[in-house]
Amino acid sequence: MTLTAPDPAPAAPAGRLGGRWLTDWRPDDPDFWTSTGRSVARRNLWASIAVEHVGFSVWSLFSVFVLFMGPEYGVDAAGKFLLTSTATLVGAVLRVPYTFAVARFGGRNWTILSGVLLLIPTVVAAFVLQPGTPFGVILLLAALVGLGGGNFASSMANINTLYPEGKKGLALGLNAGGGNIGVAVVQLVGLLIIATAGATQPKLMLAIYIPLIVIVSIYAAVAMDNISSVRNDTGAAKLALRDRDNAIMSFLYIGTFGSFIGYSFAFGLVLQSQFGRTPLQAAAVTFIGPLIGSLIRPVGGWLSDRIGGAVVTAWNFVAMALCTVVCIAASGIGSLPLYVAGFVGLFFFAGIGNGSTYKMIPAIFRRKADLAIAAGTPAEEALMNARRISGAAIGLISAVGALGGLLINLAFRQSFATTKSGTPAFWAFLIFYVVSVAVTYFVYVRANKSDELVTV
């Protein structure tokens, strides 16, 4: 890959939207980081987590709404999987433009705007989510809910620019984990509503989340900054698209984050469809997996900072394959406790893998920058290019990875439509995880021993 020098950072953000702009940002300078950078980065990180958290909750609304949709809605299991698939698809596609919106509008400005945009699906839901609404209208609502899925890409791209290389793993893990936990929280809110008000009051969720959206958007306006040296860089995106590691890491992220979001949306519906759980019984279990997967994600980044993202990722896919075998076996003998244990194990290791794969991305491009420096490229130029390209890659990889959630929901939809069971889908997932083990080992772990370019 050819590294090209970016234009010098502007002294002032001419031609940009208003807001607070930082014109001097050098996170890889130890003195700057200690005196100034660390406190600013932390302030931005917590606000970013808050907005991303609510974004994930909104994106996951249909994982809860389907539990409220009884026979009076006239939607069968296949139709419900189509609703969750639609929300997943739109959220995944939006991650591409959201990635570049940070550079176009500024991290602070875009975080505020992307937060306010979450009012669209929640306000619409307050009017249309009720029995008698045509399925096409509910499907359109599911598409609008996908707005919450884009926040992750812009948030991660922004945090990637704020932290030095040695701190990225934990920072990205905290940012992503804090967002991911929004899935569990919205499902826990759904459980509390079903347990107290019954399974006919989904709009009570909106009475909670509409004010919360306003609060976190204001928080972002107060606490965050824009960075003037981060700009819309189609050159970086083109370089990332041409880089083979971008494609490989996208594939691996399908297996980690795609599994997390796909299982998060499908878990409760699978319990209802295969084991005949009531909405309350399903909701009482559904939130556990996403909660564990979210809380453990920073640990994946932390481990990767210490022993290497590739090693953690490879062993993680082994564990996910074993958990899939448990689900297949439990389905065969009709054991709900064993089935739930296998499913929760998948969430646990998907969370670890989310952190480890995301740590691999900036590490790969930092390694390439080190080789460029060794070949004579000025250090500042090489490191700036690494941040540019890894930031673009993070957004692109997050978009492709989220499509894994779509594939999982479509696989379950087809599996239940043809066999009334999720077992055939799990066999497909098992094959994918085994292939992912092989790809991670041969491309990254073994390469680490021979000092190839892709070493992480």
Protein backbone atom coordinates (compact mmCIF):
# COMPACT_ATOMS: atom_id res chain seq x y z
CA MET A 1 0.00 0.00 0.00
CA THR A 2 1.30 3.42 -0.93
CA LEU A 3 1.16 6.02 1.79
CA THR A 4 0.48 9.56 0.59
CA ALA A 5 1.07 12.65 2.65
CA PRO A 6 -1.99 14.55 3.83
CA ASP A 7 -2.29 18.26 3.43
CA PRO A 8 -1.02 20.22 6.45
CA ALA A 9 -3.61 20.65 9.18
CA PRO A 10 -5.36 24.00 8.78
CA ALA A 11 -4.61 26.69 11.30
CA ALA A 12 -8.34 27.34 11.59
CA PRO A 13 -11.31 25.28 10.44
CA ALA A 14 -12.24 27.55 7.57
CA GLY A 15 -15.42 26.63 5.74
CA ARG A 16 -16.62 24.27 8.46
CA LEU A 17 -19.65 24.29 10.65
CA GLY A 18 -19.39 26.11 13.94
CA GLY A 19 -18.55 24.61 17.29
CA ARG A 20 -15.41 24.04 19.33
CA TRP A 21 -12.42 23.11 17.14
CA LEU A 22 -9.02 21.88 18.32
CA THR A 23 -6.36 23.08 15.89
CA ASP A 24 -3.45 21.37 17.69
CA TRP A 25 -3.95 17.66 18.37
CA ARG A 26 -0.89 15.39 18.81
CA PRO A 27 -1.95 12.31 20.85
CA ASP A 28 1.23 10.38 19.94
CA ASP A 29 3.38 13.09 21.52
CA PRO A 30 3.90 11.88 25.15
CA ASP A 31 4.32 15.38 26.58
CA PHE A 32 1.22 16.69 24.80
CA TRP A 33 -0.78 13.64 25.85
CA THR A 34 0.17 13.97 29.52
CA SER A 35 -0.34 17.72 29.76
CA THR A 36 -3.41 18.20 27.58
CA GLY A 37 -4.53 15.30 25.43
CA ARG A 38 -5.57 12.74 28.02
CA SER A 39 -8.12 14.91 29.83
CA VAL A 40 -9.66 16.18 26.59
CA ALA A 41 -9.85 12.68 25.12
CA ARG A 42 -11.56 11.30 28.23
CA ARG A 43 -14.13 14.09 28.23
CA ASN A 44 -14.97 13.38 24.61
CA LEU A 45 -14.98 9.62 25.19
CA TRP A 46 -17.67 9.69 27.90
CA ALA A 47 -19.97 11.91 25.86
CA SER A 48 -19.42 9.72 22.81
CA ILE A 49 -20.31 6.63 24.83
CA ALA A 50 -23.55 8.25 26.04
CA VAL A 51 -24.82 9.06 22.54
CA GLU A 52 -23.67 5.76 21.08
CA HIS A 53 -25.35 3.90 23.96
CA VAL A 54 -28.72 5.45 23.16
CA GLY A 55 -28.11 4.88 19.45
CA PHE A 56 -27.65 1.15 20.05
CA SER A 57 -30.80 1.11 22.19
CA VAL A 58 -32.83 2.70 19.40
CA TRP A 59 -31.29 0.34 16.82
CA SER A 60 -32.32 -2.61 19.01
CA LEU A 61 -35.90 -1.49 19.64
CA PHE A 62 -37.38 -4.17 17.40
CA SER A 63 -35.64 -6.92 19.34
CA VAL A 64 -38.06 -5.84 22.09
CA PHE A 65 -41.02 -4.63 20.01
CA VAL A 66 -41.46 -8.11 18.50
CA LEU A 67 -42.05 -9.46 22.02
CA PHE A 68 -44.97 -7.02 22.37
CA MET A 69 -46.42 -7.97 18.97
CA GLY A 70 -49.02 -10.61 19.82
CA PRO A 71 -51.51 -12.28 17.45
CA GLU A 72 -53.50 -9.04 17.17
CA TYR A 73 -50.65 -7.58 15.07
CA GLY A 74 -50.99 -10.36 12.49
CA VAL A 75 -47.22 -10.88 12.13
CA ASP A 76 -45.78 -14.41 12.23
CA ALA A 77 -42.26 -15.46 13.27
CA ALA A 78 -40.87 -15.08 9.74
CA GLY A 79 -42.31 -11.57 9.54
CA LYS A 80 -40.77 -10.65 12.88
CA PHE A 81 -37.36 -11.86 11.74
CA LEU A 82 -37.84 -9.69 8.63
CA LEU A 83 -38.43 -6.66 10.85
CA THR A 84 -35.24 -7.23 12.85
CA SER A 85 -33.35 -7.95 9.62
CA THR A 86 -34.52 -4.66 8.10
CA ALA A 87 -33.34 -2.65 11.11
CA THR A 88 -29.99 -4.46 10.96
CA LEU A 89 -29.56 -3.85 7.23
CA VAL A 90 -30.29 -0.11 7.36
CA GLY A 91 -28.02 0.37 10.37
CA ALA A 92 -25.20 -1.46 8.61
CA VAL A 93 -25.51 0.53 5.38
CA LEU A 94 -25.64 3.86 7.23
CA ARG A 95 -22.31 3.13 8.87
CA VAL A 96 -20.48 4.02 5.65
CA PRO A 97 -21.69 7.65 5.35
CA TYR A 98 -21.59 8.05 9.12
CA THR A 99 -17.89 7.18 9.08
CA PHE A 100 -17.07 10.10 6.80
CA ALA A 101 -19.53 12.49 8.45
CA VAL A 102 -17.11 12.96 11.34
CA ALA A 103 -14.50 14.42 9.02
CA ARG A 104 -17.05 16.45 7.10
CA PHE A 105 -18.87 18.04 10.04
CA GLY A 106 -16.54 17.46 13.01
CA GLY A 107 -16.78 14.81 15.71
CA ARG A 108 -18.70 17.01 18.15
CA ASN A 109 -21.05 18.46 15.55
CA TRP A 110 -21.90 15.10 14.03
CA THR A 111 -22.40 13.42 17.40
CA ILE A 112 -24.97 16.05 18.29
CA LEU A 113 -26.75 15.75 14.94
CA SER A 114 -26.71 11.94 14.90
CA GLY A 115 -28.20 11.99 18.40
CA VAL A 116 -31.00 14.34 17.42
CA LEU A 117 -31.79 12.17 14.37
CA LEU A 118 -32.78 9.37 16.76
CA LEU A 119 -35.93 11.36 17.52
CA ILE A 120 -37.26 10.47 14.05
CA PRO A 121 -37.88 6.73 14.58
CA THR A 122 -38.92 7.11 18.21
CA VAL A 123 -41.49 9.82 17.52
CA VAL A 124 -42.83 7.93 14.49
CA ALA A 125 -43.13 4.77 16.61
CA ALA A 126 -45.25 6.67 19.12
CA PHE A 127 -47.86 7.15 16.36
CA VAL A 128 -47.77 3.89 14.37
CA LEU A 129 -46.81 1.08 16.77
CA GLN A 130 -50.22 -0.45 17.46
CA PRO A 131 -52.45 -3.32 16.31
CA GLY A 132 -54.05 -2.72 12.93
CA THR A 133 -51.09 -0.86 11.47
CA PRO A 134 -50.24 -2.38 8.04
CA PHE A 135 -47.13 -4.54 8.02
CA GLY A 136 -45.54 -2.30 5.38
CA VAL A 137 -45.74 0.68 7.73
CA ILE A 138 -44.18 -1.30 10.58
CA LEU A 139 -41.47 -2.41 8.16
CA LEU A 140 -40.79 1.23 7.30
CA LEU A 141 -40.52 1.97 11.04
CA ALA A 142 -37.96 -0.84 11.34
CA ALA A 143 -35.96 0.85 8.58
CA LEU A 144 -36.07 4.19 10.43
CA VAL A 145 -34.90 2.47 13.61
CA GLY A 146 -31.77 1.61 11.63
CA LEU A 147 -30.66 5.23 12.13
CA GLY A 148 -29.37 4.11 15.52
CA GLY A 149 -26.97 1.67 13.88
CA GLY A 150 -24.92 4.34 12.15
CA ASN A 151 -23.78 6.03 15.36
CA PHE A 152 -21.27 3.30 16.13
CA ALA A 153 -19.15 3.93 13.01
CA SER A 154 -18.90 7.68 13.47
CA SER A 155 -18.24 7.33 17.19
CA MET A 156 -15.46 4.77 16.74
CA ALA A 157 -13.83 6.74 13.91
CA ASN A 158 -13.85 9.82 16.12
CA ILE A 159 -12.40 8.09 19.20
CA ASN A 160 -9.72 6.47 17.03
CA THR A 161 -8.36 9.94 16.24
CA LEU A 162 -8.36 11.04 19.88
CA TYR A 163 -6.10 8.36 21.41
CA PRO A 164 -2.46 7.32 20.88
CA GLU A 165 -1.70 3.83 19.58
CA GLY A 166 -0.95 2.23 22.96
CA LYS A 167 -4.26 3.48 24.40
CA LYS A 168 -6.58 2.70 21.50
CA GLY A 169 -7.47 -0.85 22.51
CA LEU A 170 -9.01 0.05 25.84
CA ALA A 171 -10.50 3.35 24.61
CA LEU A 172 -12.17 1.75 21.59
CA GLY A 173 -13.28 -1.14 23.79
CA LEU A 174 -14.89 1.20 26.33
CA ASN A 175 -16.54 3.24 23.60
CA ALA A 176 -17.90 0.19 21.81
CA GLY A 177 -18.80 -1.67 25.00
CA GLY A 178 -20.67 1.33 26.38
CA GLY A 179 -22.59 1.50 23.13
CA ASN A 180 -23.19 -2.24 22.89
CA ILE A 181 -24.67 -2.32 26.37
CA GLY A 182 -27.49 -0.18 25.03
CA VAL A 183 -28.85 -3.42 23.52
CA ALA A 184 -29.07 -5.06 26.94
CA VAL A 185 -30.46 -1.95 28.61
CA VAL A 186 -33.31 -1.51 26.12
CA GLN A 187 -34.16 -5.20 26.53
CA LEU A 188 -34.09 -4.85 30.30
CA VAL A 189 -36.40 -1.84 30.03
CA GLY A 190 -38.70 -3.97 27.90
CA LEU A 191 -38.65 -6.71 30.53
CA LEU A 192 -39.60 -4.26 33.26
CA ILE A 193 -42.47 -2.87 31.20
CA ILE A 194 -43.81 -6.33 30.32
CA ALA A 195 -43.53 -7.43 33.95
CA THR A 196 -45.31 -4.35 35.33
CA ALA A 197 -47.64 -3.09 32.60
CA GLY A 198 -48.10 -6.21 30.49
CA ALA A 199 -47.20 -7.10 26.92
CA THR A 200 -49.51 -4.56 25.31
CA GLN A 201 -47.71 -1.31 26.21
CA PRO A 202 -44.64 -0.95 23.95
CA LYS A 203 -45.07 2.82 23.74
CA LEU A 204 -44.00 3.15 27.37
CA MET A 205 -40.47 2.54 26.12
CA LEU A 206 -40.71 5.65 23.99
CA ALA A 207 -41.66 7.75 27.00
CA ILE A 208 -38.24 6.82 28.39
CA TYR A 209 -36.09 7.08 25.30
CA ILE A 210 -37.37 10.27 23.70
CA PRO A 211 -36.31 12.44 26.68
CA LEU A 212 -33.06 10.45 26.99
CA ILE A 213 -32.17 11.24 23.37
CA VAL A 214 -32.52 14.95 24.11
CA ILE A 215 -30.38 14.67 27.25
CA VAL A 216 -27.43 12.86 25.63
CA SER A 217 -27.47 15.21 22.63
CA ILE A 218 -27.15 18.19 24.97
CA TYR A 219 -24.37 16.38 26.85
CA ALA A 220 -22.43 15.96 23.58
CA ALA A 221 -22.85 19.68 22.83
CA VAL A 222 -21.43 20.60 26.23
CA ALA A 223 -18.59 18.09 26.51
CA MET A 224 -17.19 17.36 23.04
CA ASP A 225 -14.75 18.97 20.60
CA ASN A 226 -14.02 18.86 16.88
CA ILE A 227 -10.49 18.21 15.59
CA SER A 228 -9.46 20.39 12.66
CA SER A 229 -6.82 17.98 11.32
CA VAL A 230 -9.48 15.30 10.75
CA ARG A 231 -11.03 16.06 7.43
CA ASN A 232 -13.08 14.38 4.76
CA ASP A 233 -10.50 12.20 3.08
CA THR A 234 -11.72 10.11 0.16
CA GLY A 235 -8.11 9.26 -0.57
CA ALA A 236 -7.84 7.42 2.74
CA ALA A 237 -11.07 5.57 2.02
CA LYS A 238 -9.81 4.48 -1.40
CA LEU A 239 -6.54 3.28 0.10
CA ALA A 240 -8.45 1.35 2.77
CA LEU A 241 -10.72 -0.25 0.18
CA ARG A 242 -7.72 -1.40 -1.86
CA ASP A 243 -5.92 -2.81 1.16
CA ARG A 244 -6.34 -6.57 1.60
CA ASP A 245 -6.41 -6.26 5.38
CA ASN A 246 -9.55 -4.14 5.13
CA ALA A 247 -11.34 -7.02 3.40
CA ILE A 248 -9.97 -9.67 5.76
CA MET A 249 -10.81 -7.73 8.89
CA SER A 250 -14.30 -7.06 7.54
CA PHE A 251 -14.77 -10.81 7.23
CA LEU A 252 -13.56 -11.41 10.78
CA TYR A 253 -15.74 -8.62 12.16
CA ILE A 254 -18.77 -10.28 10.59
CA GLY A 255 -18.01 -13.19 12.91
CA THR A 256 -17.62 -11.09 16.06
CA PHE A 257 -19.82 -8.01 15.93
CA GLY A 258 -22.16 -9.56 13.36
CA SER A 259 -22.73 -12.39 15.81
CA PHE A 260 -23.29 -10.00 18.72
CA ILE A 261 -25.87 -7.80 17.02
CA GLY A 262 -27.51 -10.66 15.13
CA TYR A 263 -27.98 -12.80 18.23
CA SER A 264 -29.07 -9.73 20.22
CA PHE A 265 -31.93 -9.11 17.81
CA ALA A 266 -32.86 -12.79 17.45
CA PHE A 267 -32.38 -14.28 20.93
CA GLY A 268 -35.82 -13.55 22.38
CA LEU A 269 -37.59 -14.46 19.17
CA VAL A 270 -35.73 -17.77 18.98
CA LEU A 271 -36.76 -18.60 22.55
CA GLN A 272 -40.39 -17.85 21.70
CA SER A 273 -40.37 -19.73 18.39
CA GLN A 274 -38.40 -22.85 19.37
CA PHE A 275 -39.13 -23.26 23.08
CA GLY A 276 -42.58 -21.64 23.31
CA ARG A 277 -41.57 -19.00 25.84
CA THR A 278 -44.07 -16.25 26.69
CA PRO A 279 -43.04 -12.61 26.09
CA LEU A 280 -42.22 -12.23 29.79
CA GLN A 281 -40.26 -15.49 29.93
CA ALA A 282 -38.30 -14.55 26.81
CA ALA A 283 -37.63 -10.99 27.98
CA ALA A 284 -36.40 -12.29 31.34
CA VAL A 285 -33.52 -14.05 29.55
CA THR A 286 -32.95 -12.01 26.40
CA PHE A 287 -31.04 -9.11 27.98
CA ILE A 288 -28.48 -11.34 29.74
CA GLY A 289 -26.47 -12.23 26.63
CA PRO A 290 -26.09 -8.68 25.26
CA LEU A 291 -25.27 -7.41 28.75
CA ILE A 292 -22.43 -9.90 29.18
CA GLY A 293 -21.16 -9.34 25.65
CA SER A 294 -21.12 -5.58 26.14
CA LEU A 295 -19.42 -5.60 29.53
CA ILE A 296 -16.71 -7.99 28.37
CA ARG A 297 -15.85 -6.08 25.17
CA PRO A 298 -13.32 -3.72 26.82
CA VAL A 299 -11.57 -6.80 28.20
CA GLY A 300 -11.01 -7.98 24.63
CA GLY A 301 -9.32 -4.67 23.83
CA TRP A 302 -7.32 -4.75 27.07
CA LEU A 303 -6.09 -8.30 26.45
CA SER A 304 -5.15 -7.36 22.89
CA ASP A 305 -3.10 -4.40 24.10
CA ARG A 306 -1.02 -6.92 26.06
CA ILE A 307 -0.83 -10.20 24.11
CA GLY A 308 -1.89 -9.21 20.60
CA GLY A 309 -5.26 -8.89 18.89
CA ALA A 310 -4.67 -11.75 16.44
CA VAL A 311 -3.97 -14.33 19.15
CA VAL A 312 -7.03 -13.29 21.16
CA THR A 313 -9.23 -13.31 18.06
CA ALA A 314 -8.09 -16.76 16.91
CA TRP A 315 -8.77 -18.43 20.26
CA ASN A 316 -12.02 -16.52 20.51
CA PHE A 317 -13.36 -18.05 17.30
CA VAL A 318 -12.45 -21.50 18.65
CA ALA A 319 -14.56 -20.79 21.72
CA MET A 320 -17.47 -19.49 19.59
CA ALA A 321 -17.40 -22.69 17.54
CA LEU A 322 -17.59 -24.77 20.71
CA CYS A 323 -20.53 -22.72 22.03
CA THR A 324 -22.31 -23.27 18.73
CA VAL A 325 -21.87 -27.02 19.14
CA VAL A 326 -23.47 -26.70 22.58
CA CYS A 327 -26.51 -24.94 21.04
CA ILE A 328 -26.86 -27.64 18.40
CA ALA A 329 -26.65 -30.41 21.00
CA ALA A 330 -29.10 -28.66 23.33
CA SER A 331 -31.57 -28.22 20.49
CA GLY A 332 -31.33 -31.92 19.70
CA ILE A 333 -32.24 -32.98 23.23
CA GLY A 334 -34.65 -30.12 23.87
CA SER A 335 -32.70 -28.72 26.83
CA LEU A 336 -33.58 -25.05 27.37
CA PRO A 337 -30.97 -24.46 30.14
CA LEU A 338 -28.16 -25.90 28.00
CA TYR A 339 -29.40 -23.93 24.98
CA VAL A 340 -29.38 -20.68 26.94
CA ALA A 341 -25.91 -21.49 28.32
CA GLY A 342 -24.55 -22.00 24.79
CA PHE A 343 -26.23 -18.83 23.56
CA VAL A 344 -24.89 -16.75 26.43
CA GLY A 345 -21.43 -18.21 25.78
CA LEU A 346 -21.69 -16.96 22.19
CA PHE A 347 -22.44 -13.47 23.49
CA PHE A 348 -19.50 -13.62 25.91
CA PHE A 349 -16.96 -14.55 23.26
CA ALA A 350 -18.50 -12.28 20.62
CA GLY A 351 -17.85 -9.45 23.08
CA ILE A 352 -14.23 -10.46 23.58
CA GLY A 353 -13.81 -10.78 19.82
CA ASN A 354 -15.34 -7.36 19.19
CA GLY A 355 -12.64 -5.80 21.33
CA SER A 356 -9.78 -7.84 19.88
CA THR A 357 -10.67 -7.34 16.21
CA TYR A 358 -11.04 -3.60 16.66
CA LYS A 359 -7.65 -3.44 18.33
CA MET A 360 -6.16 -5.24 15.32
CA ILE A 361 -7.25 -2.57 12.83
CA PRO A 362 -5.17 0.44 14.02
CA ALA A 363 -2.33 -1.93 14.96
CA ILE A 364 -2.12 -3.24 11.39
CA PHE A 365 -1.85 0.24 9.92
CA ARG A 366 0.54 1.38 12.64
CA ARG A 367 2.79 -1.54 11.72
CA LYS A 368 2.71 -0.41 8.10
CA ALA A 369 3.58 3.11 9.22
CA ASP A 370 6.58 1.73 11.13
CA LEU A 371 7.78 -0.01 7.98
CA ALA A 372 7.30 3.20 5.99
CA ILE A 373 9.36 5.09 8.59
CA ALA A 374 12.09 2.45 8.34
CA ALA A 375 12.05 2.95 4.56
CA GLY A 376 12.63 6.70 4.94
CA THR A 377 9.18 8.28 5.24
CA PRO A 378 9.11 11.07 7.87
CA ALA A 379 7.59 9.76 11.11
CA GLU A 380 4.94 12.47 11.43
CA GLU A 381 3.76 11.89 7.87
CA ALA A 382 3.65 8.11 8.26
CA LEU A 383 1.76 8.24 11.56
CA MET A 384 -0.75 10.75 10.22
CA ASN A 385 -1.41 8.47 7.26
CA ALA A 386 -1.88 5.50 9.58
CA ARG A 387 -4.53 7.42 11.53
CA ARG A 388 -6.23 8.57 8.32
CA ILE A 389 -6.45 5.13 6.77
CA SER A 390 -7.25 3.20 9.95
CA GLY A 391 -10.05 5.68 10.70
CA ALA A 392 -11.56 5.06 7.26
CA ALA A 393 -11.05 1.32 7.62
CA ILE A 394 -12.74 1.24 11.02
CA GLY A 395 -15.93 2.70 9.58
CA LEU A 396 -15.93 0.48 6.50
CA ILE A 397 -15.22 -2.65 8.53
CA SER A 398 -17.94 -1.78 11.04
CA ALA A 399 -20.46 -1.47 8.20
CA VAL A 400 -19.58 -4.85 6.68
CA GLY A 401 -19.44 -6.47 10.12
CA ALA A 402 -22.93 -5.26 10.97
CA LEU A 403 -24.20 -7.06 7.88
CA GLY A 404 -23.36 -10.24 9.78
CA GLY A 405 -26.32 -9.41 12.01
CA LEU A 406 -28.52 -9.32 8.91
CA LEU A 407 -27.20 -12.70 7.75
CA ILE A 408 -27.88 -14.26 11.16
CA ASN A 409 -31.47 -13.03 11.24
CA LEU A 410 -32.08 -14.15 7.66
CA ALA A 411 -30.56 -17.55 8.46
CA PHE A 412 -32.86 -17.95 11.47
CA ARG A 413 -35.84 -16.79 9.39
CA GLN A 414 -35.17 -19.41 6.73
CA SER A 415 -34.36 -22.07 9.31
CA PHE A 416 -37.64 -21.61 11.21
CA ALA A 417 -39.65 -21.26 8.00
CA THR A 418 -38.44 -24.64 6.73
CA THR A 419 -37.78 -26.73 9.86
CA LYS A 420 -39.44 -24.85 12.78
CA SER A 421 -36.00 -24.95 14.44
CA GLY A 422 -32.86 -22.83 14.57
CA THR A 423 -30.53 -25.84 14.28
CA PRO A 424 -29.79 -25.57 10.53
CA ALA A 425 -28.80 -21.93 11.06
CA PHE A 426 -26.39 -22.93 13.83
CA TRP A 427 -24.68 -25.45 11.55
CA ALA A 428 -24.02 -22.62 9.09
CA PHE A 429 -22.66 -20.45 11.90
CA LEU A 430 -20.36 -23.27 13.03
CA ILE A 431 -18.81 -23.54 9.56
CA PHE A 432 -18.23 -19.80 9.50
CA TYR A 433 -16.46 -19.79 12.87
CA VAL A 434 -14.18 -22.66 11.85
CA VAL A 435 -13.21 -20.79 8.67
CA SER A 436 -12.59 -17.66 10.76
CA VAL A 437 -10.19 -19.56 13.01
CA ALA A 438 -8.21 -20.66 9.97
CA VAL A 439 -8.15 -17.17 8.41
CA THR A 440 -7.02 -15.49 11.64
CA TYR A 441 -4.30 -18.05 12.27
CA PHE A 442 -2.80 -18.26 8.78
CA VAL A 443 -3.06 -14.55 7.86
CA TYR A 444 -2.16 -12.96 11.19
CA VAL A 445 -0.98 -15.28 13.96
CA ARG A 446 1.45 -17.28 11.83
CA ALA A 447 2.51 -14.12 9.95
CA ASN A 448 3.55 -12.66 13.26
CA LYS A 449 6.32 -15.24 13.42
CA SER A 450 7.72 -14.34 10.03
CA ASP A 451 7.57 -10.54 10.38
CA GLU A 452 5.22 -10.11 7.45
CA LEU A 453 3.57 -6.76 6.82
CA VAL A 454 0.30 -7.74 8.49
CA THR A 455 1.91 -8.37 11.86
CA VAL A 456 -0.20 -7.01 14.74
